[in-house]
């Protein structure tokens, strides 16, 4: 009985006792730096349901063979037992020496499945029928000696920001499915989860920023000004007639007026709750990117853009994902 009067669950008490008395059984809950190498001190073995049934059948066969003094039946029982016993070592060798050396993930929006890619290294032996389990998803894969050992898992997400997929169970029941050999992987890894996009968002704001009409000096079609020559300037840009009048080399600089961009302003969503404001701005970023419209994102602490493209989209969604949590 706890001091507060609530009953501590039996499972929690057992885990606390195990962590106190048997730290070797619970040490794999701690996060580990990559690479993670599996070895005999962190690989566990238990019989499966079929393994228990098979063991019971062998026990009955053994009793019958001894009772009736049937040597062929006794030999068959011993052969089946030896084959089952060797399958334990075969499954153990499948995990032993396996190394997780890299992880990566593609950003997703909150509520979507995060796809986590795991890359394993092996020696000269192929590894068959490996199972990776995390977040309710399970994948079956093989690793060839000459391959990169790449597989992926889908993990459900609920909140924006940095997300750790948690522990990954790697297991094998090869070759007969009589024994389950497994180990835990808990890498130091976190993936970025974008905010959830608003389902029915308002239309994109109209371009109204006056600064978007300022000229930008860059390669264009409209003559802008003359400036002094620099050694890095191309010779075709030299204004020879103007240079002759001024007794100095001058270069033509062209300008191109920047197109009017959409301004996605945090202040424009003031009538919404905090997280809903982030969701609306996320939807506007996605809509502006789909429309190939340059956009500027204005947040309370920073402004991003104006620009367009995958890098700009990622920068905007990252800033929205990492905004502080709403005050309780």
Foldseek 3Di string as FASTA:
>chain_A
DDPVPDDDDPVVVVVVVCCVPPVLVVVQQDADAPKDADADSFKDKDFDPVLVVVVVVLVVLCVVCVVVVPVVSNVVSVVVVVVVVVQVVVFVVLRHGKIFGDKDWDAEAAQFWIKMKTWIAHAQDKHAFKWKDFQHWIDTDIGHNPDRRIDITTHHGHAFAKAQRGKIKIWGCPDPNGMIMIGIHRHPDIDGYFYAADPDADDFDDQDDPVQQDKDWDDDDAWDDKDADDPVDDPVQWPVVVCVVVVGTIGTIGIDRGDRAGEAELVVPVVDDDSVSLNNSLNNLVVCQVVVGFYWYHDPVDIQDRDYDDVSSVVVRRVSRPDDDDDD
